Amino acid sequence: MKYIAFDVETPNSLNNRMSAIGITVIEDGAITKEFYSLVDPEQELAPFNIALTGITPEMIEGQPTFGQLWPTIGPILTDPDGLLLAHNAPFDMGVLGKCIEAYNIDAPLFLKYACTCQMSKAAAPDLPNHKLNTLCDCLCIELDHHNAGSDARACGKVALRCIDWGVDPTQFARTYDVYAHKTVKPPKPARKKKYRNSI
């Protein structure tokens, strides 16, 4: 199974654009690919988000927009053989879906994902909390928190540790409706019509 851990940082409280994205691909229990980029959100950066992420207006000047990045990141994020992973995944999935819609990108209607926060609660229920930085402290995973590249890599490593502890990520898989921006029940396959044999 291929796992695609990703993390986004946002420029403000609207949470409908990215200022950075990190992606870590895991195959056969090992990290095989990593990607990180700052993103021009084409929106103002709020002081709170600047303080949280360290990303300033000067840093995003001249960086690619989400639409310009999509030819590179789209095939990774929408790989039909992969399962997206994120920590507190509904947030990251929501930002991803809103960016896809805002830039009028032709993307799959549904994406499969799993939340490593939920996985870690099943794997290690006795921890004081299951925030990414808490998990990384407990598991001795290096983390530069709120750097999208570091967060994505840490998310992937948390997933691998959960797998080592017997947690199956596919048991936590959900279906995200990219354009409705919400988790939904998976669409039912089309039923074949039955015809009565005429005599």
N, C-alpha and C. Protein backbone atom coordinates (compact mmCIF):
# COMPACT_ATOMS: atom_id res chain seq x y z
N MET A 1 0.84 -1.20 0.00
CA MET A 1 0.00 0.00 0.00
C MET A 1 0.87 1.25 0.00
N LYS A 2 0.51 2.21 -0.80
CA LYS A 2 1.22 3.48 -0.83
C LYS A 2 0.47 4.49 0.04
N TYR A 3 1.22 5.18 0.90
CA TYR A 3 0.65 6.21 1.75
C TYR A 3 1.24 7.56 1.38
N ILE A 4 0.39 8.56 1.29
CA ILE A 4 0.82 9.89 0.88
C ILE A 4 0.48 10.86 2.02
N ALA A 5 1.44 11.09 2.90
CA ALA A 5 1.25 12.00 4.01
C ALA A 5 1.46 13.43 3.52
N PHE A 6 0.56 14.32 3.91
CA PHE A 6 0.73 15.71 3.48
C PHE A 6 0.29 16.66 4.58
N ASP A 7 0.79 17.87 4.48
CA ASP A 7 0.45 18.90 5.46
C ASP A 7 0.43 20.25 4.74
N VAL A 8 -0.49 21.10 5.14
CA VAL A 8 -0.57 22.44 4.56
C VAL A 8 -0.51 23.48 5.66
N GLU A 9 0.05 24.63 5.33
CA GLU A 9 -0.03 25.82 6.17
C GLU A 9 -0.89 26.84 5.45
N THR A 10 -1.61 27.64 6.21
CA THR A 10 -2.55 28.59 5.61
C THR A 10 -2.17 30.02 5.95
N PRO A 11 -2.57 30.97 5.09
CA PRO A 11 -2.15 32.36 5.31
C PRO A 11 -3.01 33.14 6.30
N ASN A 12 -4.24 32.66 6.53
CA ASN A 12 -5.15 33.40 7.40
C ASN A 12 -6.27 32.48 7.87
N SER A 13 -7.22 33.03 8.59
CA SER A 13 -8.27 32.22 9.21
C SER A 13 -9.33 31.74 8.23
N LEU A 14 -9.29 32.19 6.98
CA LEU A 14 -10.26 31.70 5.98
C LEU A 14 -10.01 30.23 5.66
N ASN A 15 -8.76 29.80 5.76
CA ASN A 15 -8.37 28.40 5.52
C ASN A 15 -8.85 27.87 4.16
N ASN A 16 -8.79 28.74 3.16
CA ASN A 16 -9.17 28.32 1.81
C ASN A 16 -8.04 28.50 0.80
N ARG A 17 -6.84 28.78 1.31
CA ARG A 17 -5.64 28.87 0.49
C ARG A 17 -4.48 28.28 1.29
N MET A 18 -3.39 27.97 0.59
CA MET A 18 -2.18 27.46 1.23
C MET A 18 -1.07 28.50 1.13
N SER A 19 -0.23 28.53 2.15
CA SER A 19 1.02 29.29 2.06
C SER A 19 2.22 28.36 1.97
N ALA A 20 1.98 27.06 2.23
CA ALA A 20 3.03 26.04 2.08
C ALA A 20 2.37 24.67 2.04
N ILE A 21 3.04 23.74 1.39
CA ILE A 21 2.58 22.35 1.37
C ILE A 21 3.78 21.42 1.44
N GLY A 22 3.64 20.36 2.21
CA GLY A 22 4.65 19.31 2.28
C GLY A 22 4.01 17.97 2.00
N ILE A 23 4.72 17.11 1.29
CA ILE A 23 4.22 15.78 0.94
C ILE A 23 5.33 14.76 1.19
N THR A 24 4.97 13.65 1.82
CA THR A 24 5.89 12.53 2.03
C THR A 24 5.22 11.25 1.56
N VAL A 25 5.84 10.57 0.62
CA VAL A 25 5.28 9.33 0.07
C VAL A 25 5.97 8.13 0.71
N ILE A 26 5.17 7.17 1.15
CA ILE A 26 5.68 5.97 1.81
C ILE A 26 5.25 4.75 1.02
N GLU A 27 6.21 3.91 0.66
CA GLU A 27 5.94 2.65 -0.03
C GLU A 27 6.77 1.55 0.61
N ASP A 28 6.13 0.41 0.83
CA ASP A 28 6.82 -0.74 1.42
C ASP A 28 7.53 -0.37 2.73
N GLY A 29 6.86 0.45 3.52
CA GLY A 29 7.39 0.77 4.84
C GLY A 29 8.52 1.77 4.88
N ALA A 30 8.79 2.46 3.76
CA ALA A 30 9.90 3.41 3.73
C ALA A 30 9.50 4.67 2.96
N ILE A 31 10.10 5.79 3.34
CA ILE A 31 9.87 7.04 2.63
C ILE A 31 10.58 6.98 1.28
N THR A 32 9.82 7.19 0.22
CA THR A 32 10.40 7.09 -1.13
C THR A 32 10.44 8.43 -1.87
N LYS A 33 9.67 9.41 -1.39
CA LYS A 33 9.64 10.69 -2.08
C LYS A 33 9.19 11.77 -1.09
N GLU A 34 9.80 12.94 -1.22
CA GLU A 34 9.38 14.07 -0.40
C GLU A 34 9.30 15.32 -1.28
N PHE A 35 8.35 16.18 -0.94
CA PHE A 35 8.18 17.43 -1.69
C PHE A 35 7.80 18.52 -0.71
N TYR A 36 8.36 19.70 -0.93
CA TYR A 36 7.99 20.87 -0.10
C TYR A 36 8.04 22.11 -0.97
N SER A 37 7.07 22.99 -0.77
CA SER A 37 7.12 24.28 -1.47
C SER A 37 6.33 25.31 -0.69
N LEU A 38 6.86 26.52 -0.68
CA LEU A 38 6.04 27.66 -0.30
C LEU A 38 5.04 27.90 -1.42
N VAL A 39 3.93 28.52 -1.08
CA VAL A 39 2.87 28.74 -2.06
C VAL A 39 2.40 30.19 -1.95
N ASP A 40 2.26 30.85 -3.09
CA ASP A 40 1.66 32.19 -3.09
C ASP A 40 0.15 32.02 -2.98
N PRO A 41 -0.44 32.38 -1.83
CA PRO A 41 -1.88 32.16 -1.66
C PRO A 41 -2.74 33.20 -2.36
N GLU A 42 -2.09 34.24 -2.87
CA GLU A 42 -2.83 35.36 -3.48
C GLU A 42 -3.85 35.94 -2.52
N GLN A 43 -3.48 35.93 -1.25
CA GLN A 43 -4.26 36.54 -0.17
C GLN A 43 -3.28 37.16 0.82
N GLU A 44 -3.82 38.04 1.66
CA GLU A 44 -2.99 38.63 2.71
C GLU A 44 -2.69 37.60 3.80
N LEU A 45 -1.51 37.70 4.38
CA LEU A 45 -1.14 36.85 5.51
C LEU A 45 -1.51 37.55 6.81
N ALA A 46 -2.22 36.84 7.66
CA ALA A 46 -2.62 37.40 8.95
C ALA A 46 -1.46 37.32 9.93
N PRO A 47 -1.37 38.29 10.84
CA PRO A 47 -0.27 38.27 11.84
C PRO A 47 -0.21 36.96 12.63
N PHE A 48 -1.37 36.40 12.99
CA PHE A 48 -1.36 35.14 13.75
C PHE A 48 -0.69 34.04 12.95
N ASN A 49 -1.02 33.93 11.66
CA ASN A 49 -0.46 32.87 10.83
C ASN A 49 1.02 33.09 10.55
N ILE A 50 1.42 34.34 10.42
CA ILE A 50 2.84 34.62 10.25
C ILE A 50 3.62 34.17 11.48
N ALA A 51 3.08 34.47 12.67
CA ALA A 51 3.75 34.07 13.90
C ALA A 51 3.77 32.56 14.06
N LEU A 52 2.68 31.89 13.65
CA LEU A 52 2.58 30.43 13.80
C LEU A 52 3.52 29.69 12.85
N THR A 53 3.54 30.11 11.58
CA THR A 53 4.26 29.36 10.55
C THR A 53 5.64 29.91 10.24
N GLY A 54 5.86 31.18 10.60
CA GLY A 54 7.13 31.81 10.24
C GLY A 54 7.18 32.24 8.79
N ILE A 55 6.07 32.09 8.06
CA ILE A 55 6.03 32.46 6.64
C ILE A 55 5.58 33.91 6.53
N THR A 56 6.41 34.74 5.91
CA THR A 56 6.14 36.16 5.79
C THR A 56 5.76 36.52 4.35
N PRO A 57 5.17 37.70 4.13
CA PRO A 57 4.85 38.11 2.76
C PRO A 57 6.07 38.12 1.85
N GLU A 58 7.22 38.49 2.38
CA GLU A 58 8.44 38.51 1.56
C GLU A 58 8.82 37.10 1.09
N MET A 59 8.55 36.10 1.93
CA MET A 59 8.93 34.73 1.60
C MET A 59 8.08 34.15 0.48
N ILE A 60 6.81 34.56 0.40
CA ILE A 60 5.94 33.98 -0.63
C ILE A 60 5.96 34.77 -1.93
N GLU A 61 6.61 35.93 -1.91
CA GLU A 61 6.69 36.73 -3.13
C GLU A 61 7.46 35.96 -4.20
N GLY A 62 6.83 35.80 -5.35
CA GLY A 62 7.45 35.08 -6.45
C GLY A 62 7.33 33.57 -6.39
N GLN A 63 6.69 33.05 -5.34
CA GLN A 63 6.49 31.60 -5.23
C GLN A 63 5.32 31.17 -6.12
N PRO A 64 5.26 29.90 -6.50
CA PRO A 64 4.16 29.44 -7.36
C PRO A 64 2.83 29.48 -6.63
N THR A 65 1.77 29.72 -7.37
CA THR A 65 0.43 29.58 -6.82
C THR A 65 0.06 28.10 -6.77
N PHE A 66 -1.04 27.80 -6.09
CA PHE A 66 -1.50 26.42 -6.04
C PHE A 66 -1.78 25.89 -7.45
N GLY A 67 -2.37 26.71 -8.28
CA GLY A 67 -2.66 26.29 -9.65
C GLY A 67 -1.40 25.96 -10.43
N GLN A 68 -0.35 26.73 -10.21
CA GLN A 68 0.92 26.47 -10.90
C GLN A 68 1.62 25.23 -10.36
N LEU A 69 1.39 24.92 -9.07
CA LEU A 69 1.99 23.73 -8.47
C LEU A 69 1.25 22.44 -8.83
N TRP A 70 -0.02 22.56 -9.20
CA TRP A 70 -0.84 21.36 -9.36
C TRP A 70 -0.26 20.33 -10.34
N PRO A 71 0.29 20.72 -11.49
CA PRO A 71 0.86 19.70 -12.38
C PRO A 71 1.93 18.85 -11.70
N THR A 72 2.59 19.40 -10.68
CA THR A 72 3.61 18.63 -9.94
C THR A 72 3.00 17.81 -8.81
N ILE A 73 2.14 18.44 -8.01
CA ILE A 73 1.63 17.76 -6.82
C ILE A 73 0.34 16.98 -7.07
N GLY A 74 -0.39 17.36 -8.10
CA GLY A 74 -1.67 16.69 -8.38
C GLY A 74 -1.55 15.19 -8.59
N PRO A 75 -0.63 14.75 -9.46
CA PRO A 75 -0.50 13.30 -9.67
C PRO A 75 -0.11 12.53 -8.41
N ILE A 76 0.59 13.19 -7.49
CA ILE A 76 0.97 12.53 -6.23
C ILE A 76 -0.24 12.43 -5.32
N LEU A 77 -0.95 13.55 -5.13
CA LEU A 77 -2.06 13.59 -4.19
C LEU A 77 -3.27 12.80 -4.65
N THR A 78 -3.41 12.62 -5.94
CA THR A 78 -4.59 11.91 -6.47
C THR A 78 -4.25 10.53 -7.01
N ASP A 79 -3.09 10.01 -6.64
CA ASP A 79 -2.68 8.68 -7.09
C ASP A 79 -3.74 7.65 -6.66
N PRO A 80 -4.37 6.97 -7.61
CA PRO A 80 -5.44 6.02 -7.26
C PRO A 80 -4.95 4.83 -6.43
N ASP A 81 -3.65 4.59 -6.44
CA ASP A 81 -3.09 3.48 -5.66
C ASP A 81 -2.69 3.91 -4.25
N GLY A 82 -2.87 5.18 -3.92
CA GLY A 82 -2.41 5.69 -2.65
C GLY A 82 -3.55 6.05 -1.71
N LEU A 83 -3.21 6.17 -0.42
CA LEU A 83 -4.14 6.63 0.60
C LEU A 83 -3.53 7.88 1.22
N LEU A 84 -4.26 8.99 1.14
CA LEU A 84 -3.78 10.23 1.74
C LEU A 84 -3.79 10.12 3.26
N LEU A 85 -2.77 10.68 3.89
CA LEU A 85 -2.69 10.74 5.34
C LEU A 85 -2.42 12.18 5.77
N ALA A 86 -3.06 12.59 6.84
CA ALA A 86 -2.76 13.89 7.43
C ALA A 86 -3.12 13.82 8.90
N HIS A 87 -2.49 14.70 9.68
CA HIS A 87 -2.77 14.74 11.11
C HIS A 87 -3.86 15.78 11.34
N ASN A 88 -4.98 15.36 11.94
CA ASN A 88 -6.20 16.18 11.94
C ASN A 88 -6.62 16.42 10.49
N ALA A 89 -6.79 15.31 9.79
CA ALA A 89 -6.94 15.30 8.34
C ALA A 89 -8.11 16.13 7.80
N PRO A 90 -9.25 16.21 8.48
CA PRO A 90 -10.34 17.02 7.89
C PRO A 90 -9.92 18.46 7.59
N PHE A 91 -9.03 19.03 8.41
CA PHE A 91 -8.55 20.39 8.14
C PHE A 91 -7.78 20.44 6.83
N ASP A 92 -6.77 19.58 6.69
CA ASP A 92 -5.93 19.59 5.48
C ASP A 92 -6.73 19.22 4.24
N MET A 93 -7.64 18.25 4.38
CA MET A 93 -8.47 17.88 3.24
C MET A 93 -9.37 19.04 2.83
N GLY A 94 -9.87 19.79 3.82
CA GLY A 94 -10.73 20.93 3.51
C GLY A 94 -9.99 22.01 2.75
N VAL A 95 -8.76 22.31 3.19
CA VAL A 95 -7.97 23.33 2.49
C VAL A 95 -7.64 22.86 1.08
N LEU A 96 -7.28 21.59 0.94
CA LEU A 96 -6.98 21.04 -0.37
C LEU A 96 -8.18 21.15 -1.30
N GLY A 97 -9.35 20.75 -0.82
CA GLY A 97 -10.56 20.81 -1.64
C GLY A 97 -10.91 22.22 -2.06
N LYS A 98 -10.77 23.17 -1.12
CA LYS A 98 -11.11 24.56 -1.44
C LYS A 98 -10.14 25.15 -2.44
N CYS A 99 -8.87 24.76 -2.37
CA CYS A 99 -7.89 25.24 -3.35
C CYS A 99 -8.17 24.64 -4.73
N ILE A 100 -8.50 23.37 -4.77
CA ILE A 100 -8.84 22.73 -6.05
C ILE A 100 -10.01 23.45 -6.70
N GLU A 101 -11.02 23.77 -5.90
CA GLU A 101 -12.20 24.45 -6.43
C GLU A 101 -11.87 25.88 -6.85
N ALA A 102 -11.12 26.60 -6.02
CA ALA A 102 -10.81 28.00 -6.30
C ALA A 102 -10.02 28.17 -7.59
N TYR A 103 -9.16 27.20 -7.88
CA TYR A 103 -8.33 27.30 -9.08
C TYR A 103 -8.91 26.52 -10.26
N ASN A 104 -10.16 26.09 -10.09
CA ASN A 104 -10.90 25.43 -11.18
C ASN A 104 -10.10 24.28 -11.77
N ILE A 105 -9.61 23.42 -10.87
CA ILE A 105 -8.75 22.30 -11.28
C ILE A 105 -9.61 21.06 -11.51
N ASP A 106 -9.30 20.36 -12.56
CA ASP A 106 -9.99 19.10 -12.86
C ASP A 106 -9.35 18.01 -12.01
N ALA A 107 -10.03 17.63 -10.95
CA ALA A 107 -9.51 16.63 -10.01
C ALA A 107 -10.59 15.59 -9.74
N PRO A 108 -10.21 14.44 -9.19
CA PRO A 108 -11.21 13.43 -8.84
C PRO A 108 -12.24 14.02 -7.87
N LEU A 109 -13.47 13.58 -8.00
CA LEU A 109 -14.54 14.07 -7.12
C LEU A 109 -14.34 13.58 -5.70
N PHE A 110 -13.84 12.35 -5.56
CA PHE A 110 -13.66 11.75 -4.24
C PHE A 110 -12.20 11.36 -4.03
N LEU A 111 -11.70 11.58 -2.81
CA LEU A 111 -10.36 11.16 -2.44
C LEU A 111 -10.42 10.36 -1.15
N LYS A 112 -9.65 9.30 -1.08
CA LYS A 112 -9.57 8.48 0.12
C LYS A 112 -8.49 9.04 1.05
N TYR A 113 -8.81 9.10 2.33
CA TYR A 113 -7.83 9.60 3.28
C TYR A 113 -8.01 8.91 4.62
N ALA A 114 -6.98 9.03 5.46
CA ALA A 114 -7.06 8.56 6.84
C ALA A 114 -6.35 9.58 7.72
N CYS A 115 -6.79 9.68 8.97
CA CYS A 115 -6.24 10.65 9.91
C CYS A 115 -5.28 9.97 10.87
N THR A 116 -4.03 10.43 10.89
CA THR A 116 -3.05 9.81 11.78
C THR A 116 -3.30 10.17 13.25
N CYS A 117 -4.05 11.23 13.52
CA CYS A 117 -4.43 11.51 14.90
C CYS A 117 -5.35 10.40 15.41
N GLN A 118 -6.34 10.03 14.61
CA GLN A 118 -7.24 8.94 14.99
C GLN A 118 -6.50 7.61 15.09
N MET A 119 -5.58 7.38 14.16
CA MET A 119 -4.80 6.15 14.20
C MET A 119 -3.97 6.07 15.47
N SER A 120 -3.36 7.19 15.86
CA SER A 120 -2.51 7.19 17.05
C SER A 120 -3.32 7.00 18.32
N LYS A 121 -4.57 7.47 18.33
CA LYS A 121 -5.42 7.25 19.50
C LYS A 121 -5.71 5.76 19.69
N ALA A 122 -5.85 5.04 18.57
CA ALA A 122 -6.07 3.60 18.65
C ALA A 122 -4.79 2.88 19.04
N ALA A 123 -3.65 3.38 18.54
CA ALA A 123 -2.38 2.70 18.79
C ALA A 123 -1.83 2.97 20.19
N ALA A 124 -2.03 4.20 20.68
CA ALA A 124 -1.45 4.59 21.99
C ALA A 124 -2.48 5.40 22.77
N PRO A 125 -3.52 4.75 23.26
CA PRO A 125 -4.62 5.49 23.92
C PRO A 125 -4.23 6.15 25.23
N ASP A 126 -3.13 5.76 25.84
CA ASP A 126 -2.78 6.27 27.16
C ASP A 126 -1.96 7.56 27.14
N LEU A 127 -1.63 8.06 25.97
CA LEU A 127 -0.87 9.31 25.91
C LEU A 127 -1.73 10.47 26.41
N PRO A 128 -1.11 11.53 26.95
CA PRO A 128 -1.88 12.66 27.47
C PRO A 128 -2.71 13.36 26.40
N ASN A 129 -2.20 13.42 25.19
CA ASN A 129 -2.96 13.90 24.03
C ASN A 129 -2.30 13.35 22.78
N HIS A 130 -2.92 13.60 21.64
CA HIS A 130 -2.41 13.01 20.40
C HIS A 130 -2.09 14.08 19.36
N LYS A 131 -1.66 15.24 19.85
CA LYS A 131 -1.17 16.27 18.96
C LYS A 131 0.11 15.79 18.29
N LEU A 132 0.40 16.32 17.12
CA LEU A 132 1.58 15.86 16.37
C LEU A 132 2.86 16.10 17.16
N ASN A 133 2.98 17.26 17.81
CA ASN A 133 4.23 17.53 18.55
C ASN A 133 4.36 16.63 19.78
N THR A 134 3.23 16.29 20.42
CA THR A 134 3.28 15.37 21.56
C THR A 134 3.72 13.99 21.11
N LEU A 135 3.16 13.51 20.00
CA LEU A 135 3.54 12.20 19.48
C LEU A 135 5.01 12.17 19.11
N CYS A 136 5.48 13.23 18.47
CA CYS A 136 6.88 13.26 18.05
C CYS A 136 7.82 13.28 19.25
N ASP A 137 7.42 13.99 20.30
CA ASP A 137 8.23 13.98 21.52
C ASP A 137 8.29 12.57 22.11
N CYS A 138 7.15 11.90 22.17
CA CYS A 138 7.08 10.56 22.77
C CYS A 138 7.81 9.52 21.93
N LEU A 139 7.78 9.71 20.61
CA LEU A 139 8.35 8.71 19.71
C LEU A 139 9.74 9.07 19.21
N CYS A 140 10.28 10.18 19.72
CA CYS A 140 11.62 10.64 19.31
C CYS A 140 11.70 10.86 17.80
N ILE A 141 10.65 11.49 17.25
CA ILE A 141 10.61 11.85 15.84
C ILE A 141 10.96 13.33 15.72
N GLU A 142 11.92 13.64 14.87
CA GLU A 142 12.32 15.04 14.68
C GLU A 142 11.17 15.84 14.08
N LEU A 143 10.95 17.04 14.61
CA LEU A 143 9.84 17.86 14.13
C LEU A 143 10.17 19.34 14.24
N ASP A 144 10.02 20.04 13.13
CA ASP A 144 10.02 21.50 13.09
C ASP A 144 8.56 21.89 12.88
N HIS A 145 7.83 22.02 13.99
CA HIS A 145 6.38 22.11 13.92
C HIS A 145 5.93 23.35 13.14
N HIS A 146 4.90 23.15 12.31
CA HIS A 146 4.30 24.16 11.44
C HIS A 146 5.19 24.51 10.26
N ASN A 147 6.20 23.68 10.02
CA ASN A 147 6.87 23.66 8.71
C ASN A 147 6.22 22.51 7.96
N ALA A 148 5.57 22.80 6.85
CA ALA A 148 4.75 21.79 6.18
C ALA A 148 5.55 20.56 5.77
N GLY A 149 6.79 20.75 5.35
CA GLY A 149 7.61 19.61 4.97
C GLY A 149 7.92 18.72 6.16
N SER A 150 8.29 19.34 7.28
CA SER A 150 8.60 18.58 8.49
C SER A 150 7.35 17.91 9.05
N ASP A 151 6.23 18.61 9.04
CA ASP A 151 4.97 18.05 9.55
C ASP A 151 4.53 16.85 8.71
N ALA A 152 4.68 16.95 7.39
CA ALA A 152 4.29 15.84 6.51
C ALA A 152 5.17 14.61 6.77
N ARG A 153 6.47 14.84 6.92
CA ARG A 153 7.39 13.73 7.20
C ARG A 153 7.07 13.10 8.56
N ALA A 154 6.80 13.93 9.56
CA ALA A 154 6.46 13.42 10.88
C ALA A 154 5.15 12.64 10.85
N CYS A 155 4.19 13.14 10.10
CA CYS A 155 2.91 12.44 9.95
C CYS A 155 3.15 11.05 9.36
N GLY A 156 3.98 10.97 8.34
CA GLY A 156 4.30 9.68 7.73
C GLY A 156 4.98 8.74 8.71
N LYS A 157 5.90 9.28 9.52
CA LYS A 157 6.61 8.45 10.48
C LYS A 157 5.70 7.98 11.61
N VAL A 158 4.76 8.83 12.01
CA VAL A 158 3.76 8.42 13.01
C VAL A 158 2.92 7.27 12.45
N ALA A 159 2.53 7.39 11.17
CA ALA A 159 1.75 6.32 10.54
C ALA A 159 2.53 5.01 10.53
N LEU A 160 3.81 5.08 10.21
CA LEU A 160 4.63 3.86 10.20
C LEU A 160 4.73 3.24 11.58
N ARG A 161 4.85 4.08 12.61
CA ARG A 161 4.92 3.58 13.97
C ARG A 161 3.58 2.92 14.36
N CYS A 162 2.48 3.53 13.95
CA CYS A 162 1.16 2.94 14.23
C CYS A 162 1.02 1.58 13.55
N ILE A 163 1.53 1.49 12.32
CA ILE A 163 1.49 0.22 11.60
C ILE A 163 2.30 -0.83 12.34
N ASP A 164 3.47 -0.42 12.84
CA ASP A 164 4.31 -1.35 13.63
C ASP A 164 3.55 -1.88 14.85
N TRP A 165 2.65 -1.05 15.38
CA TRP A 165 1.89 -1.43 16.57
C TRP A 165 0.60 -2.17 16.22
N GLY A 166 0.44 -2.51 14.94
CA GLY A 166 -0.70 -3.32 14.54
C GLY A 166 -1.91 -2.57 14.04
N VAL A 167 -1.77 -1.27 13.85
CA VAL A 167 -2.90 -0.48 13.34
C VAL A 167 -2.88 -0.50 11.81
N ASP A 168 -4.01 -0.82 11.22
CA ASP A 168 -4.15 -0.86 9.76
C ASP A 168 -4.76 0.46 9.29
N PRO A 169 -4.01 1.30 8.58
CA PRO A 169 -4.55 2.59 8.14
C PRO A 169 -5.82 2.47 7.30
N THR A 170 -5.94 1.38 6.55
CA THR A 170 -7.13 1.25 5.70
C THR A 170 -8.41 1.11 6.53
N GLN A 171 -8.26 0.67 7.80
CA GLN A 171 -9.43 0.58 8.67
C GLN A 171 -9.93 1.98 9.06
N PHE A 172 -9.09 2.98 8.88
CA PHE A 172 -9.45 4.36 9.22
C PHE A 172 -9.75 5.19 7.96
N ALA A 173 -9.77 4.52 6.81
CA ALA A 173 -9.98 5.24 5.55
C ALA A 173 -11.38 5.84 5.47
N ARG A 174 -11.43 7.05 5.00
CA ARG A 174 -12.68 7.76 4.78
C ARG A 174 -12.69 8.30 3.35
N THR A 175 -13.85 8.72 2.90
CA THR A 175 -13.98 9.28 1.56
C THR A 175 -14.30 10.75 1.66
N TYR A 176 -13.51 11.58 1.00
CA TYR A 176 -13.71 13.03 1.04
C TYR A 176 -14.28 13.51 -0.29
N ASP A 177 -15.39 14.25 -0.21
CA ASP A 177 -15.97 14.87 -1.39
C ASP A 177 -15.24 16.19 -1.62
N VAL A 178 -14.44 16.24 -2.65
CA VAL A 178 -13.53 17.36 -2.87
C VAL A 178 -14.29 18.67 -3.06
N TYR A 179 -15.42 18.64 -3.73
CA TYR A 179 -16.12 19.88 -4.06
C TYR A 179 -17.19 20.24 -3.03
N ALA A 180 -17.68 19.27 -2.28
CA ALA A 180 -18.61 19.56 -1.18
C ALA A 180 -17.85 19.88 0.10
N HIS A 181 -16.54 19.59 0.12
CA HIS A 181 -15.67 19.88 1.25
C HIS A 181 -16.14 19.16 2.52
N LYS A 182 -16.42 17.89 2.39
CA LYS A 182 -16.82 17.13 3.58
C LYS A 182 -16.60 15.64 3.36
N THR A 183 -16.49 14.94 4.47
CA THR A 183 -16.38 13.49 4.44
C THR A 183 -17.76 12.90 4.17
N VAL A 184 -17.81 11.93 3.30
CA VAL A 184 -19.09 11.35 2.90
C VAL A 184 -18.99 9.83 2.91
N LYS A 185 -20.13 9.19 2.83
CA LYS A 185 -20.13 7.76 2.62
C LYS A 185 -19.67 7.48 1.20
N PRO A 186 -18.90 6.42 1.00
CA PRO A 186 -18.41 6.14 -0.36
C PRO A 186 -19.57 5.92 -1.31
N PRO A 187 -19.44 6.42 -2.54
CA PRO A 187 -20.52 6.23 -3.51
C PRO A 187 -20.72 4.76 -3.83
N LYS A 188 -21.98 4.38 -3.95
CA LYS A 188 -22.28 2.99 -4.27
C LYS A 188 -22.02 2.73 -5.75
N PRO A 189 -21.51 1.55 -6.09
CA PRO A 189 -21.32 1.24 -7.51
C PRO A 189 -22.68 1.16 -8.21
N ALA A 190 -22.67 1.54 -9.46
CA ALA A 190 -23.92 1.51 -10.23
C ALA A 190 -24.46 0.08 -10.32
N ARG A 191 -25.75 -0.04 -10.09
CA ARG A 191 -26.37 -1.37 -10.14
C ARG A 191 -26.72 -1.71 -11.58
N LYS A 192 -26.46 -2.94 -11.94
CA LYS A 192 -26.80 -3.40 -13.27
C LYS A 192 -28.29 -3.68 -13.35
N LYS A 193 -28.85 -3.28 -14.44
CA LYS A 193 -30.28 -3.54 -14.63
C LYS A 193 -30.50 -5.02 -14.88
N LYS A 194 -31.58 -5.53 -14.29
CA LYS A 194 -31.94 -6.91 -14.53
C LYS A 194 -33.12 -6.95 -15.51
N TYR A 195 -32.98 -7.77 -16.48
CA TYR A 195 -34.04 -7.90 -17.48
C TYR A 195 -34.68 -9.26 -17.35
N ARG A 196 -36.01 -9.25 -17.39
CA ARG A 196 -36.74 -10.52 -17.33
C ARG A 196 -36.72 -11.16 -18.71
N ASN A 197 -36.34 -12.42 -18.73
CA ASN A 197 -36.31 -13.14 -20.02
C ASN A 197 -37.71 -13.23 -20.59
N SER A 198 -37.83 -12.83 -21.84
CA SER A 198 -39.14 -12.99 -22.50
C SER A 198 -39.20 -14.36 -23.14
N ILE A 199 -40.40 -14.93 -23.15
CA ILE A 199 -40.58 -16.29 -23.67
C ILE A 199 -41.35 -16.21 -24.98
